[in-house]
Amino acid sequence: MPQTTLRLLQDKGSVQSLDGAAHRHRKGLFMSLMTPDSVARTADLLAGRK
């Protein structure tokens, strides 16, 4: 992505610029939150339930 475009979207080092191992690592962090139990827990928290 051209630097001018990247800086308009966020900044140098933003998630849009990740590739390879860094991309897989960050995606893995987010995907670990997508289990059925984690999704249900997030829904409960957002609904104000404990």
PDB file of N, CA and C in Angstrom:
ATOM      1  N   MET A   1       0.850  -1.161   0.000  1.00  0.00           N
ATOM      2  CA  MET A   1       0.000   0.000   0.000  1.00  0.00           C
ATOM      3  C   MET A   1       0.904   1.235   0.000  1.00  0.00           C
ATOM      4  N   PRO A   2       0.616   2.225  -0.820  1.00  0.00           N
ATOM      5  CA  PRO A   2       1.443   3.437  -0.838  1.00  0.00           C
ATOM      6  C   PRO A   2       1.441   4.118   0.537  1.00  0.00           C
ATOM      7  N   GLN A   3       2.573   4.681   0.922  1.00  0.00           N
ATOM      8  CA  GLN A   3       2.702   5.324   2.235  1.00  0.00           C
ATOM      9  C   GLN A   3       1.661   6.420   2.450  1.00  0.00           C
ATOM     10  N   THR A   4       1.358   7.182   1.413  1.00  0.00           N
ATOM     11  CA  THR A   4       0.372   8.254   1.583  1.00  0.00           C
ATOM     12  C   THR A   4      -0.998   7.684   1.927  1.00  0.00           C
ATOM     13  N   THR A   5      -1.364   6.596   1.298  1.00  0.00           N
ATOM     14  CA  THR A   5      -2.643   5.950   1.593  1.00  0.00           C
ATOM     15  C   THR A   5      -2.629   5.349   2.988  1.00  0.00           C
ATOM     16  N   LEU A   6      -1.546   4.672   3.331  1.00  0.00           N
ATOM     17  CA  LEU A   6      -1.426   4.055   4.649  1.00  0.00           C
ATOM     18  C   LEU A   6      -1.553   5.101   5.754  1.00  0.00           C
ATOM     19  N   ARG A   7      -0.926   6.232   5.595  1.00  0.00           N
ATOM     20  CA  ARG A   7      -0.984   7.271   6.624  1.00  0.00           C
ATOM     21  C   ARG A   7      -2.363   7.918   6.701  1.00  0.00           C
ATOM     22  N   LEU A   8      -3.097   7.929   5.610  1.00  0.00           N
ATOM     23  CA  LEU A   8      -4.466   8.443   5.661  1.00  0.00           C
ATOM     24  C   LEU A   8      -5.370   7.499   6.444  1.00  0.00           C
ATOM     25  N   LEU A   9      -5.168   6.189   6.282  1.00  0.00           N
ATOM     26  CA  LEU A   9      -6.007   5.201   6.953  1.00  0.00           C
ATOM     27  C   LEU A   9      -5.687   5.090   8.433  1.00  0.00           C
ATOM     28  N   GLN A  10      -4.425   4.970   8.747  1.00  0.00           N
ATOM     29  CA  GLN A  10      -3.989   4.882  10.144  1.00  0.00           C
ATOM     30  C   GLN A  10      -2.593   5.461  10.209  1.00  0.00           C
ATOM     31  N   ASP A  11      -1.607   4.634  10.444  1.00  0.00           N
ATOM     32  CA  ASP A  11      -0.234   5.112  10.486  1.00  0.00           C
ATOM     33  C   ASP A  11       0.694   3.944  10.222  1.00  0.00           C
ATOM     34  N   LYS A  12       1.938   4.235  10.086  1.00  0.00           N
ATOM     35  CA  LYS A  12       2.947   3.213   9.843  1.00  0.00           C
ATOM     36  C   LYS A  12       2.892   2.183  10.977  1.00  0.00           C
ATOM     37  N   GLY A  13       2.874   0.913  10.632  1.00  0.00           N
ATOM     38  CA  GLY A  13       2.800  -0.146  11.626  1.00  0.00           C
ATOM     39  C   GLY A  13       1.382  -0.568  11.980  1.00  0.00           C
ATOM     40  N   SER A  14       0.388  -0.020  11.280  1.00  0.00           N
ATOM     41  CA  SER A  14      -1.002  -0.377  11.571  1.00  0.00           C
ATOM     42  C   SER A  14      -1.300  -1.794  11.094  1.00  0.00           C
ATOM     43  N   VAL A  15      -2.449  -2.307  11.497  1.00  0.00           N
ATOM     44  CA  VAL A  15      -2.816  -3.675  11.167  1.00  0.00           C
ATOM     45  C   VAL A  15      -2.900  -3.906   9.654  1.00  0.00           C
ATOM     46  N   GLN A  16      -3.253  -2.893   8.886  1.00  0.00           N
ATOM     47  CA  GLN A  16      -3.350  -3.054   7.434  1.00  0.00           C
ATOM     48  C   GLN A  16      -2.002  -3.385   6.802  1.00  0.00           C
ATOM     49  N   SER A  17      -0.922  -3.083   7.499  1.00  0.00           N
ATOM     50  CA  SER A  17       0.400  -3.332   6.921  1.00  0.00           C
ATOM     51  C   SER A  17       0.987  -4.668   7.357  1.00  0.00           C
ATOM     52  N   LEU A  18       0.284  -5.431   8.209  1.00  0.00           N
ATOM     53  CA  LEU A  18       0.813  -6.707   8.671  1.00  0.00           C
ATOM     54  C   LEU A  18       0.769  -7.744   7.555  1.00  0.00           C
ATOM     55  N   ASP A  19       1.775  -8.610   7.558  1.00  0.00           N
ATOM     56  CA  ASP A  19       1.864  -9.663   6.569  1.00  0.00           C
ATOM     57  C   ASP A  19       2.582 -10.847   7.204  1.00  0.00           C
ATOM     58  N   GLY A  20       2.445 -11.994   6.632  1.00  0.00           N
ATOM     59  CA  GLY A  20       3.184 -13.167   7.080  1.00  0.00           C
ATOM     60  C   GLY A  20       2.898 -13.553   8.515  1.00  0.00           C
ATOM     61  N   ALA A  21       3.978 -13.822   9.281  1.00  0.00           N
ATOM     62  CA  ALA A  21       3.848 -14.303  10.653  1.00  0.00           C
ATOM     63  C   ALA A  21       3.135 -13.300  11.551  1.00  0.00           C
ATOM     64  N   ALA A  22       3.400 -12.014  11.378  1.00  0.00           N
ATOM     65  CA  ALA A  22       2.740 -10.994  12.205  1.00  0.00           C
ATOM     66  C   ALA A  22       1.238 -11.000  11.963  1.00  0.00           C
ATOM     67  N   HIS A  23       0.840 -11.157  10.705  1.00  0.00           N
ATOM     68  CA  HIS A  23      -0.588 -11.223  10.371  1.00  0.00           C
ATOM     69  C   HIS A  23      -1.235 -12.463  10.992  1.00  0.00           C
ATOM     70  N   ARG A  24      -0.586 -13.603  10.840  1.00  0.00           N
ATOM     71  CA  ARG A  24      -1.136 -14.850  11.384  1.00  0.00           C
ATOM     72  C   ARG A  24      -1.250 -14.784  12.905  1.00  0.00           C
ATOM     73  N   HIS A  25      -0.265 -14.190  13.562  1.00  0.00           N
ATOM     74  CA  HIS A  25      -0.292 -14.066  15.021  1.00  0.00           C
ATOM     75  C   HIS A  25      -1.475 -13.203  15.465  1.00  0.00           C
ATOM     76  N   ARG A  26      -1.620 -12.037  14.860  1.00  0.00           N
ATOM     77  CA  ARG A  26      -2.714 -11.137  15.250  1.00  0.00           C
ATOM     78  C   ARG A  26      -4.077 -11.762  14.942  1.00  0.00           C
ATOM     79  N   LYS A  27      -4.189 -12.412  13.776  1.00  0.00           N
ATOM     80  CA  LYS A  27      -5.449 -13.074  13.439  1.00  0.00           C
ATOM     81  C   LYS A  27      -5.757 -14.171  14.452  1.00  0.00           C
ATOM     82  N   GLY A  28      -4.742 -14.906  14.861  1.00  0.00           N
ATOM     83  CA  GLY A  28      -4.927 -15.959  15.852  1.00  0.00           C
ATOM     84  C   GLY A  28      -5.445 -15.426  17.176  1.00  0.00           C
ATOM     85  N   LEU A  29      -4.956 -14.253  17.579  1.00  0.00           N
ATOM     86  CA  LEU A  29      -5.442 -13.640  18.817  1.00  0.00           C
ATOM     87  C   LEU A  29      -6.932 -13.346  18.734  1.00  0.00           C
ATOM     88  N   PHE A  30      -7.363 -12.766  17.624  1.00  0.00           N
ATOM     89  CA  PHE A  30      -8.774 -12.455  17.460  1.00  0.00           C
ATOM     90  C   PHE A  30      -9.618 -13.703  17.274  1.00  0.00           C
ATOM     91  N   MET A  31      -9.124 -14.669  16.535  1.00  0.00           N
ATOM     92  CA  MET A  31      -9.897 -15.884  16.301  1.00  0.00           C
ATOM     93  C   MET A  31     -10.060 -16.700  17.579  1.00  0.00           C
ATOM     94  N   SER A  32      -9.128 -16.575  18.514  1.00  0.00           N
ATOM     95  CA  SER A  32      -9.261 -17.294  19.785  1.00  0.00           C
ATOM     96  C   SER A  32     -10.454 -16.782  20.581  1.00  0.00           C
ATOM     97  N   LEU A  33     -10.933 -15.595  20.257  1.00  0.00           N
ATOM     98  CA  LEU A  33     -12.104 -15.029  20.928  1.00  0.00           C
ATOM     99  C   LEU A  33     -13.413 -15.455  20.267  1.00  0.00           C
ATOM    100  N   MET A  34     -13.336 -16.224  19.193  1.00  0.00           N
ATOM    101  CA  MET A  34     -14.526 -16.564  18.427  1.00  0.00           C
ATOM    102  C   MET A  34     -15.086 -17.946  18.742  1.00  0.00           C
ATOM    103  N   THR A  35     -14.693 -18.533  19.857  1.00  0.00           N
ATOM    104  CA  THR A  35     -15.283 -19.815  20.247  1.00  0.00           C
ATOM    105  C   THR A  35     -16.725 -19.563  20.684  1.00  0.00           C
ATOM    106  N   PRO A  36     -17.576 -20.558  20.633  1.00  0.00           N
ATOM    107  CA  PRO A  36     -18.960 -20.354  21.070  1.00  0.00           C
ATOM    108  C   PRO A  36     -19.063 -19.801  22.496  1.00  0.00           C
ATOM    109  N   ASP A  37     -18.243 -20.302  23.418  1.00  0.00           N
ATOM    110  CA  ASP A  37     -18.276 -19.809  24.794  1.00  0.00           C
ATOM    111  C   ASP A  37     -17.849 -18.342  24.879  1.00  0.00           C
ATOM    112  N   SER A  38     -16.814 -17.981  24.137  1.00  0.00           N
ATOM    113  CA  SER A  38     -16.334 -16.595  24.157  1.00  0.00           C
ATOM    114  C   SER A  38     -17.348 -15.643  23.544  1.00  0.00           C
ATOM    115  N   VAL A  39     -17.990 -16.071  22.465  1.00  0.00           N
ATOM    116  CA  VAL A  39     -19.011 -15.231  21.826  1.00  0.00           C
ATOM    117  C   VAL A  39     -20.196 -15.041  22.774  1.00  0.00           C
ATOM    118  N   ALA A  40     -20.620 -16.108  23.443  1.00  0.00           N
ATOM    119  CA  ALA A  40     -21.724 -16.013  24.393  1.00  0.00           C
ATOM    120  C   ALA A  40     -21.354 -15.107  25.560  1.00  0.00           C
ATOM    121  N   ARG A  41     -20.141 -15.226  26.055  1.00  0.00           N
ATOM    122  CA  ARG A  41     -19.677 -14.376  27.169  1.00  0.00           C
ATOM    123  C   ARG A  41     -19.658 -12.916  26.747  1.00  0.00           C
ATOM    124  N   THR A  42     -19.187 -12.626  25.560  1.00  0.00           N
ATOM    125  CA  THR A  42     -19.165 -11.254  25.058  1.00  0.00           C
ATOM    126  C   THR A  42     -20.579 -10.706  24.932  1.00  0.00           C
ATOM    127  N   ALA A  43     -21.499 -11.524  24.417  1.00  0.00           N
ATOM    128  CA  ALA A  43     -22.897 -11.101  24.294  1.00  0.00           C
ATOM    129  C   ALA A  43     -23.489 -10.793  25.659  1.00  0.00           C
ATOM    130  N   ASP A  44     -23.178 -11.638  26.647  1.00  0.00           N
ATOM    131  CA  ASP A  44     -23.670 -11.395  28.004  1.00  0.00           C
ATOM    132  C   ASP A  44     -23.117 -10.090  28.553  1.00  0.00           C
ATOM    133  N   LEU A  45     -21.851  -9.848  28.364  1.00  0.00           N
ATOM    134  CA  LEU A  45     -21.236  -8.613  28.865  1.00  0.00           C
ATOM    135  C   LEU A  45     -21.850  -7.379  28.207  1.00  0.00           C
ATOM    136  N   LEU A  46     -22.060  -7.461  26.910  1.00  0.00           N
ATOM    137  CA  LEU A  46     -22.635  -6.317  26.197  1.00  0.00           C
ATOM    138  C   LEU A  46     -24.092  -6.079  26.568  1.00  0.00           C
ATOM    139  N   ALA A  47     -24.786  -7.140  26.960  1.00  0.00           N
ATOM    140  CA  ALA A  47     -26.184  -7.015  27.367  1.00  0.00           C
ATOM    141  C   ALA A  47     -26.314  -6.621  28.838  1.00  0.00           C
ATOM    142  N   GLY A  48     -25.175  -6.519  29.523  1.00  0.00           N
ATOM    143  CA  GLY A  48     -25.203  -6.135  30.931  1.00  0.00           C
ATOM    144  C   GLY A  48     -25.446  -7.278  31.890  1.00  0.00           C
ATOM    145  N   ARG A  49     -25.336  -8.500  31.375  1.00  0.00           N
ATOM    146  CA  ARG A  49     -25.498  -9.678  32.220  1.00  0.00           C
ATOM    147  C   ARG A  49     -24.122 -10.118  32.707  1.00  0.00           C
ATOM    148  N   LYS A  50     -24.100 -10.716  33.874  1.00  0.00           N
ATOM    149  CA  LYS A  50     -22.822 -11.197  34.417  1.00  0.00           C
ATOM    150  C   LYS A  50     -22.605 -12.573  34.001  1.00  0.00           C
TER     151      LYS A  50
END
